[in-house]
């Protein structure tokens, strides 16, 4: 069984972001799949087919809880596609599960620093092969925690790892900076600055704006057709 997972911690995003991500996956993954949410949420306001997993102890602050994605205590079997809550799925996702080996750690190049940094918004991994990431983090936590966040830890561990495969750039892109390595100002009234790339699989929203904000303006009007 293929698996999708996201992380919902704290109050930064409402629960609807989890439910919308599940809905987008349902439309864009062929066949059955498990959809998990690693969360501290206790009220279970998730959609029917979202399977919440309580973040194991010790819980961390903010994005550091993403390190639990590689915690073998999650007991998820098979390949796992992780996506941040602020992404928009624009095309079929099957290739994430069919085009690479189980032992491959799949990641994307960063949008601002593509030659030196992994972007942790979209990853595919397998606990059978990659739980060492969590183990190494916990063993060396005092060395890793001064870094800016989980993305920097993943870059440090996995950028040049023998199991790492960098996914094609055209599978993912940034809404704000559509061309990797070319940051630009967000222009909500200029659609040509923030286009829908119809051949991409995932559009990543990082920082401001989120999808629900962007789709209120001309440059993000196309988001309404996908983020639902």
C-alpha atoms as a PDB file:
ATOM      1  CA  UNK A   1       0.000   0.000   0.000  1.00  0.00           C
ATOM      2  CA  UNK A   2       1.251   3.470  -0.859  1.00  0.00           C
ATOM      3  CA  UNK A   3       1.247   6.072   1.895  1.00  0.00           C
ATOM      4  CA  UNK A   4       0.953   9.841   2.140  1.00  0.00           C
ATOM      5  CA  UNK A   5       1.769  11.736   5.321  1.00  0.00           C
ATOM      6  CA  UNK A   6       1.633  15.321   6.542  1.00  0.00           C
ATOM      7  CA  UNK A   7       2.347  17.038   9.857  1.00  0.00           C
ATOM      8  CA  UNK A   8      -0.154  19.204  11.755  1.00  0.00           C
ATOM      9  CA  UNK A   9       1.250  20.717  14.922  1.00  0.00           C
ATOM     10  CA  UNK A  10       0.048  23.753  16.843  1.00  0.00           C
ATOM     11  CA  UNK A  11      -2.230  26.431  15.406  1.00  0.00           C
ATOM     12  CA  UNK A  12      -0.346  27.730  12.343  1.00  0.00           C
ATOM     13  CA  UNK A  13      -2.712  25.936   9.952  1.00  0.00           C
ATOM     14  CA  UNK A  14      -6.381  25.073  10.469  1.00  0.00           C
ATOM     15  CA  UNK A  15      -7.462  21.442  10.162  1.00  0.00           C
ATOM     16  CA  UNK A  16      -8.999  22.198   6.754  1.00  0.00           C
ATOM     17  CA  UNK A  17      -5.478  22.299   5.280  1.00  0.00           C
ATOM     18  CA  UNK A  18      -5.082  18.615   6.188  1.00  0.00           C
ATOM     19  CA  UNK A  19      -8.471  17.692   4.771  1.00  0.00           C
ATOM     20  CA  UNK A  20      -7.850  19.603   1.528  1.00  0.00           C
ATOM     21  CA  UNK A  21      -4.479  17.892   1.100  1.00  0.00           C
ATOM     22  CA  UNK A  22      -6.200  14.522   1.466  1.00  0.00           C
ATOM     23  CA  UNK A  23      -8.833  15.557  -1.101  1.00  0.00           C
ATOM     24  CA  UNK A  24      -6.156  16.601  -3.602  1.00  0.00           C
ATOM     25  CA  UNK A  25      -4.343  13.291  -3.111  1.00  0.00           C
ATOM     26  CA  UNK A  26      -7.550  11.322  -3.565  1.00  0.00           C
ATOM     27  CA  UNK A  27      -8.034  12.939  -6.970  1.00  0.00           C
ATOM     28  CA  UNK A  28      -4.414  12.418  -8.023  1.00  0.00           C
ATOM     29  CA  UNK A  29      -3.346   8.974  -6.794  1.00  0.00           C
ATOM     30  CA  UNK A  30      -4.511   5.869  -8.621  1.00  0.00           C
ATOM     31  CA  UNK A  31      -5.799   3.066  -6.446  1.00  0.00           C
ATOM     32  CA  UNK A  32      -5.907   2.822  -2.676  1.00  0.00           C
ATOM     33  CA  UNK A  33      -3.503   4.644  -0.396  1.00  0.00           C
ATOM     34  CA  UNK A  34      -3.184   5.429   3.291  1.00  0.00           C
ATOM     35  CA  UNK A  35      -3.267   9.070   4.334  1.00  0.00           C
ATOM     36  CA  UNK A  36      -1.677   9.803   7.701  1.00  0.00           C
ATOM     37  CA  UNK A  37      -1.389  13.007   9.688  1.00  0.00           C
ATOM     38  CA  UNK A  38       1.306  13.201  12.341  1.00  0.00           C
ATOM     39  CA  UNK A  39      -0.320  15.530  14.862  1.00  0.00           C
ATOM     40  CA  UNK A  40      -0.813  16.809  18.388  1.00  0.00           C
ATOM     41  CA  UNK A  41      -4.495  17.407  17.614  1.00  0.00           C
ATOM     42  CA  UNK A  42      -6.807  15.633  20.094  1.00  0.00           C
ATOM     43  CA  UNK A  43     -10.274  16.636  18.842  1.00  0.00           C
ATOM     44  CA  UNK A  44     -10.022  14.549  15.643  1.00  0.00           C
ATOM     45  CA  UNK A  45     -11.680  17.038  13.314  1.00  0.00           C
ATOM     46  CA  UNK A  46     -10.068  15.345  10.325  1.00  0.00           C
ATOM     47  CA  UNK A  47     -11.858  14.040   7.235  1.00  0.00           C
ATOM     48  CA  UNK A  48     -13.088  10.446   7.399  1.00  0.00           C
ATOM     49  CA  UNK A  49     -10.133   8.810   5.646  1.00  0.00           C
ATOM     50  CA  UNK A  50      -7.392  10.817   7.354  1.00  0.00           C
ATOM     51  CA  UNK A  51      -5.581   8.604   9.862  1.00  0.00           C
ATOM     52  CA  UNK A  52      -4.137  10.678  12.715  1.00  0.00           C
ATOM     53  CA  UNK A  53      -0.952   9.493  14.418  1.00  0.00           C
ATOM     54  CA  UNK A  54      -0.016  11.163  17.672  1.00  0.00           C
ATOM     55  CA  UNK A  55       3.459  12.684  17.527  1.00  0.00           C
ATOM     56  CA  UNK A  56       5.626  10.357  19.625  1.00  0.00           C
ATOM     57  CA  UNK A  57       7.361  11.632  22.719  1.00  0.00           C
ATOM     58  CA  UNK A  58       9.390  13.657  23.001  1.00  0.00           C
ATOM     59  CA  UNK A  59       7.451  16.250  21.022  1.00  0.00           C
ATOM     60  CA  UNK A  60       9.526  19.103  19.664  1.00  0.00           C
ATOM     61  CA  UNK A  61       8.783  22.726  18.811  1.00  0.00           C
ATOM     62  CA  UNK A  62       7.359  23.711  15.445  1.00  0.00           C
ATOM     63  CA  UNK A  63       8.940  22.255  12.329  1.00  0.00           C
ATOM     64  CA  UNK A  64      11.300  20.116  14.394  1.00  0.00           C
ATOM     65  CA  UNK A  65       8.403  17.674  14.785  1.00  0.00           C
ATOM     66  CA  UNK A  66       8.992  16.798  11.125  1.00  0.00           C
ATOM     67  CA  UNK A  67      11.985  14.784  12.308  1.00  0.00           C
ATOM     68  CA  UNK A  68       9.464  12.278  13.697  1.00  0.00           C
ATOM     69  CA  UNK A  69       8.551  11.453  10.085  1.00  0.00           C
ATOM     70  CA  UNK A  70      11.536   9.098  10.138  1.00  0.00           C
ATOM     71  CA  UNK A  71      10.709   7.584  13.526  1.00  0.00           C
ATOM     72  CA  UNK A  72      10.281   3.814  13.156  1.00  0.00           C
ATOM     73  CA  UNK A  73       7.707   3.918  15.957  1.00  0.00           C
ATOM     74  CA  UNK A  74       5.223   5.186  13.353  1.00  0.00           C
ATOM     75  CA  UNK A  75       5.175   1.596  12.028  1.00  0.00           C
ATOM     76  CA  UNK A  76       4.160   2.590   8.501  1.00  0.00           C
ATOM     77  CA  UNK A  77       5.004  -0.069   5.936  1.00  0.00           C
ATOM     78  CA  UNK A  78       5.823   0.835   2.342  1.00  0.00           C
ATOM     79  CA  UNK A  79       6.822   4.013   0.564  1.00  0.00           C
ATOM     80  CA  UNK A  80       5.719   7.301   2.102  1.00  0.00           C
ATOM     81  CA  UNK A  81       5.148  10.574   0.246  1.00  0.00           C
ATOM     82  CA  UNK A  82       5.436  13.557   2.578  1.00  0.00           C
ATOM     83  CA  UNK A  83       4.040  16.958   1.643  1.00  0.00           C
ATOM     84  CA  UNK A  84       3.821  20.221   3.578  1.00  0.00           C
ATOM     85  CA  UNK A  85       0.313  21.446   4.294  1.00  0.00           C
ATOM     86  CA  UNK A  86       0.801  24.547   2.122  1.00  0.00           C
ATOM     87  CA  UNK A  87       1.198  22.766  -1.224  1.00  0.00           C
ATOM     88  CA  UNK A  88      -1.187  22.545  -4.155  1.00  0.00           C
ATOM     89  CA  UNK A  89      -1.341  19.279  -6.079  1.00  0.00           C
ATOM     90  CA  UNK A  90      -1.808  20.049  -9.771  1.00  0.00           C
ATOM     91  CA  UNK A  91      -1.265  16.641 -11.411  1.00  0.00           C
ATOM     92  CA  UNK A  92      -1.118  12.895 -10.849  1.00  0.00           C
ATOM     93  CA  UNK A  93       1.281  11.735  -8.120  1.00  0.00           C
ATOM     94  CA  UNK A  94       1.728   8.086  -9.113  1.00  0.00           C
ATOM     95  CA  UNK A  95       5.291   8.621 -10.354  1.00  0.00           C
ATOM     96  CA  UNK A  96       6.445   9.261  -6.791  1.00  0.00           C
ATOM     97  CA  UNK A  97       5.610   5.629  -6.044  1.00  0.00           C
ATOM     98  CA  UNK A  98       6.413   3.896  -9.337  1.00  0.00           C
ATOM     99  CA  UNK A  99       9.530   5.511 -10.799  1.00  0.00           C
ATOM    100  CA  UNK A 100      12.103   4.755  -8.097  1.00  0.00           C
ATOM    101  CA  UNK A 101      13.313   1.969  -5.797  1.00  0.00           C
ATOM    102  CA  UNK A 102      12.009   1.525  -2.254  1.00  0.00           C
ATOM    103  CA  UNK A 103      15.467   2.199  -0.825  1.00  0.00           C
ATOM    104  CA  UNK A 104      15.767   5.551  -2.616  1.00  0.00           C
ATOM    105  CA  UNK A 105      15.376   8.697  -0.531  1.00  0.00           C
ATOM    106  CA  UNK A 106      13.611  11.083  -2.917  1.00  0.00           C
ATOM    107  CA  UNK A 107      13.855  14.828  -2.439  1.00  0.00           C
ATOM    108  CA  UNK A 108      13.640  18.090  -4.351  1.00  0.00           C
ATOM    109  CA  UNK A 109      16.131  20.892  -4.865  1.00  0.00           C
ATOM    110  CA  UNK A 110      15.487  24.056  -2.885  1.00  0.00           C
ATOM    111  CA  UNK A 111      13.857  26.976  -4.691  1.00  0.00           C
ATOM    112  CA  UNK A 112      16.141  29.728  -3.412  1.00  0.00           C
ATOM    113  CA  UNK A 113      19.388  27.759  -3.063  1.00  0.00           C
ATOM    114  CA  UNK A 114      18.978  24.838  -5.469  1.00  0.00           C
ATOM    115  CA  UNK A 115      22.638  23.831  -5.716  1.00  0.00           C
ATOM    116  CA  UNK A 116      23.316  23.544  -1.994  1.00  0.00           C
ATOM    117  CA  UNK A 117      20.046  22.776  -0.212  1.00  0.00           C
ATOM    118  CA  UNK A 118      17.304  20.137  -0.125  1.00  0.00           C
ATOM    119  CA  UNK A 119      13.794  21.540   0.197  1.00  0.00           C
ATOM    120  CA  UNK A 120      11.830  19.489   2.711  1.00  0.00           C
ATOM    121  CA  UNK A 121       8.351  20.433   1.442  1.00  0.00           C
ATOM    122  CA  UNK A 122       8.121  17.250  -0.663  1.00  0.00           C
ATOM    123  CA  UNK A 123       9.928  13.996   0.160  1.00  0.00           C
ATOM    124  CA  UNK A 124       9.457  10.299  -0.491  1.00  0.00           C
ATOM    125  CA  UNK A 125      11.049   7.799   1.832  1.00  0.00           C
ATOM    126  CA  UNK A 126      10.579   4.389   3.468  1.00  0.00           C
ATOM    127  CA  UNK A 127      10.961   3.683   7.181  1.00  0.00           C
ATOM    128  CA  UNK A 128      12.496   0.301   6.421  1.00  0.00           C
ATOM    129  CA  UNK A 129      15.429   2.076   4.786  1.00  0.00           C
ATOM    130  CA  UNK A 130      15.514   5.595   6.212  1.00  0.00           C
ATOM    131  CA  UNK A 131      14.689   5.468   9.934  1.00  0.00           C
ATOM    132  CA  UNK A 132      18.396   6.092  10.547  1.00  0.00           C
ATOM    133  CA  UNK A 133      17.604   9.778   9.899  1.00  0.00           C
ATOM    134  CA  UNK A 134      15.615  10.016  13.142  1.00  0.00           C
ATOM    135  CA  UNK A 135      18.110   7.882  15.040  1.00  0.00           C
ATOM    136  CA  UNK A 136      21.026  10.042  13.906  1.00  0.00           C
ATOM    137  CA  UNK A 137      19.143  13.230  14.753  1.00  0.00           C
ATOM    138  CA  UNK A 138      18.379  12.058  18.288  1.00  0.00           C
ATOM    139  CA  UNK A 139      21.935  10.834  18.802  1.00  0.00           C
ATOM    140  CA  UNK A 140      23.389  14.177  17.693  1.00  0.00           C
ATOM    141  CA  UNK A 141      20.520  16.499  18.645  1.00  0.00           C
ATOM    142  CA  UNK A 142      22.768  19.005  20.395  1.00  0.00           C
ATOM    143  CA  UNK A 143      24.718  19.452  17.141  1.00  0.00           C
ATOM    144  CA  UNK A 144      21.683  19.656  14.850  1.00  0.00           C
ATOM    145  CA  UNK A 145      19.370  21.894  16.888  1.00  0.00           C
ATOM    146  CA  UNK A 146      21.443  25.077  16.351  1.00  0.00           C
ATOM    147  CA  UNK A 147      20.667  24.704  12.634  1.00  0.00           C
ATOM    148  CA  UNK A 148      17.800  26.754  11.187  1.00  0.00           C
ATOM    149  CA  UNK A 149      15.404  23.798  10.982  1.00  0.00           C
ATOM    150  CA  UNK A 150      14.642  20.287   9.791  1.00  0.00           C
ATOM    151  CA  UNK A 151      15.416  21.236   6.181  1.00  0.00           C
ATOM    152  CA  UNK A 152      19.006  22.056   7.095  1.00  0.00           C
ATOM    153  CA  UNK A 153      19.373  18.784   8.995  1.00  0.00           C
ATOM    154  CA  UNK A 154      18.043  16.778   6.032  1.00  0.00           C
ATOM    155  CA  UNK A 155      20.408  18.648   3.730  1.00  0.00           C
ATOM    156  CA  UNK A 156      23.356  17.952   6.008  1.00  0.00           C
ATOM    157  CA  UNK A 157      22.521  14.243   6.276  1.00  0.00           C
ATOM    158  CA  UNK A 158      21.156  13.391   2.855  1.00  0.00           C
ATOM    159  CA  UNK A 159      22.300  15.782   0.113  1.00  0.00           C
ATOM    160  CA  UNK A 160      25.250  13.570  -0.793  1.00  0.00           C
ATOM    161  CA  UNK A 161      24.031  10.301   0.690  1.00  0.00           C
ATOM    162  CA  UNK A 162      24.311   7.203  -1.504  1.00  0.00           C
ATOM    163  CA  UNK A 163      20.583   6.494  -1.166  1.00  0.00           C
ATOM    164  CA  UNK A 164      19.481   9.991  -2.202  1.00  0.00           C
ATOM    165  CA  UNK A 165      17.842  10.667  -5.559  1.00  0.00           C
ATOM    166  CA  UNK A 166      17.002  14.250  -6.557  1.00  0.00           C
ATOM    167  CA  UNK A 167      13.618  14.398  -8.256  1.00  0.00           C
ATOM    168  CA  UNK A 168      13.231  16.176 -11.610  1.00  0.00           C
ATOM    169  CA  UNK A 169      12.883  19.936 -11.192  1.00  0.00           C
ATOM    170  CA  UNK A 170       9.772  20.060 -13.344  1.00  0.00           C
ATOM    171  CA  UNK A 171       7.835  17.867 -10.879  1.00  0.00           C
ATOM    172  CA  UNK A 172       7.702  20.697  -8.328  1.00  0.00           C
ATOM    173  CA  UNK A 173       7.943  24.455  -8.368  1.00  0.00           C
ATOM    174  CA  UNK A 174       7.475  27.445  -6.097  1.00  0.00           C
ATOM    175  CA  UNK A 175       4.404  29.651  -6.475  1.00  0.00           C
ATOM    176  CA  UNK A 176       6.418  32.727  -5.446  1.00  0.00           C
ATOM    177  CA  UNK A 177       9.604  31.893  -7.362  1.00  0.00           C
ATOM    178  CA  UNK A 178       8.577  29.793 -10.400  1.00  0.00           C
ATOM    179  CA  UNK A 179      12.181  29.424 -11.590  1.00  0.00           C
ATOM    180  CA  UNK A 180      14.627  27.794  -9.185  1.00  0.00           C
ATOM    181  CA  UNK A 181      17.419  30.037  -8.044  1.00  0.00           C
ATOM    182  CA  UNK A 182      15.581  33.184  -9.109  1.00  0.00           C
ATOM    183  CA  UNK A 183      13.775  34.661  -6.083  1.00  0.00           C
ATOM    184  CA  UNK A 184      11.375  37.443  -6.913  1.00  0.00           C
ATOM    185  CA  UNK A 185       8.882  39.685  -5.178  1.00  0.00           C
ATOM    186  CA  UNK A 186       5.378  38.261  -4.692  1.00  0.00           C
ATOM    187  CA  UNK A 187       3.091  40.237  -7.017  1.00  0.00           C
ATOM    188  CA  UNK A 188      -0.525  39.315  -6.264  1.00  0.00           C
ATOM    189  CA  UNK A 189      -1.916  41.443  -9.107  1.00  0.00           C
ATOM    190  CA  UNK A 190       0.449  40.105 -11.795  1.00  0.00           C
ATOM    191  CA  UNK A 191      -0.618  36.612 -12.996  1.00  0.00           C
ATOM    192  CA  UNK A 192       2.392  36.231 -15.295  1.00  0.00           C
ATOM    193  CA  UNK A 193       4.660  36.340 -12.241  1.00  0.00           C
ATOM    194  CA  UNK A 194       2.984  33.325 -10.590  1.00  0.00           C
ATOM    195  CA  UNK A 195       1.662  31.008 -13.313  1.00  0.00           C
ATOM    196  CA  UNK A 196       0.102  27.590 -13.154  1.00  0.00           C
ATOM    197  CA  UNK A 197       2.667  25.162 -14.583  1.00  0.00           C
ATOM    198  CA  UNK A 198       0.360  22.569 -16.081  1.00  0.00           C
ATOM    199  CA  UNK A 199       3.068  19.907 -16.457  1.00  0.00           C
ATOM    200  CA  UNK A 200       4.170  20.089 -12.819  1.00  0.00           C
ATOM    201  CA  UNK A 201       2.873  17.752 -10.127  1.00  0.00           C
ATOM    202  CA  UNK A 202       3.056  19.988  -7.056  1.00  0.00           C
ATOM    203  CA  UNK A 203       3.169  23.748  -6.540  1.00  0.00           C
ATOM    204  CA  UNK A 204       4.820  24.635  -3.252  1.00  0.00           C
ATOM    205  CA  UNK A 205       3.775  27.637  -1.170  1.00  0.00           C
ATOM    206  CA  UNK A 206       6.448  28.617   1.345  1.00  0.00           C
ATOM    207  CA  UNK A 207       6.196  31.583   3.646  1.00  0.00           C
ATOM    208  CA  UNK A 208       3.680  34.194   2.481  1.00  0.00           C
ATOM    209  CA  UNK A 209       1.259  33.669   0.787  1.00  0.00           C
ATOM    210  CA  UNK A 210      -0.593  30.469   1.635  1.00  0.00           C
ATOM    211  CA  UNK A 211      -2.931  28.997  -1.014  1.00  0.00           C
ATOM    212  CA  UNK A 212      -6.092  30.372   0.611  1.00  0.00           C
ATOM    213  CA  UNK A 213      -4.670  33.907   0.526  1.00  0.00           C
ATOM    214  CA  UNK A 214      -3.162  33.672  -2.948  1.00  0.00           C
ATOM    215  CA  UNK A 215      -6.348  32.502  -4.645  1.00  0.00           C
ATOM    216  CA  UNK A 216      -8.148  35.737  -3.693  1.00  0.00           C
ATOM    217  CA  UNK A 217      -6.040  37.693  -6.196  1.00  0.00           C
ATOM    218  CA  UNK A 218      -5.376  37.626  -9.930  1.00  0.00           C
ATOM    219  CA  UNK A 219      -2.033  35.875  -9.713  1.00  0.00           C
ATOM    220  CA  UNK A 220      -3.470  32.982  -7.717  1.00  0.00           C
ATOM    221  CA  UNK A 221      -6.958  32.700  -9.157  1.00  0.00           C
ATOM    222  CA  UNK A 222      -6.027  29.370 -10.775  1.00  0.00           C
ATOM    223  CA  UNK A 223      -5.462  27.889  -7.300  1.00  0.00           C
ATOM    224  CA  UNK A 224      -9.252  27.732  -6.762  1.00  0.00           C
ATOM    225  CA  UNK A 225      -9.486  24.880  -9.289  1.00  0.00           C
ATOM    226  CA  UNK A 226      -6.951  22.708  -7.434  1.00  0.00           C
ATOM    227  CA  UNK A 227      -6.868  23.577  -3.731  1.00  0.00           C
ATOM    228  CA  UNK A 228     -10.141  22.002  -2.714  1.00  0.00           C
END
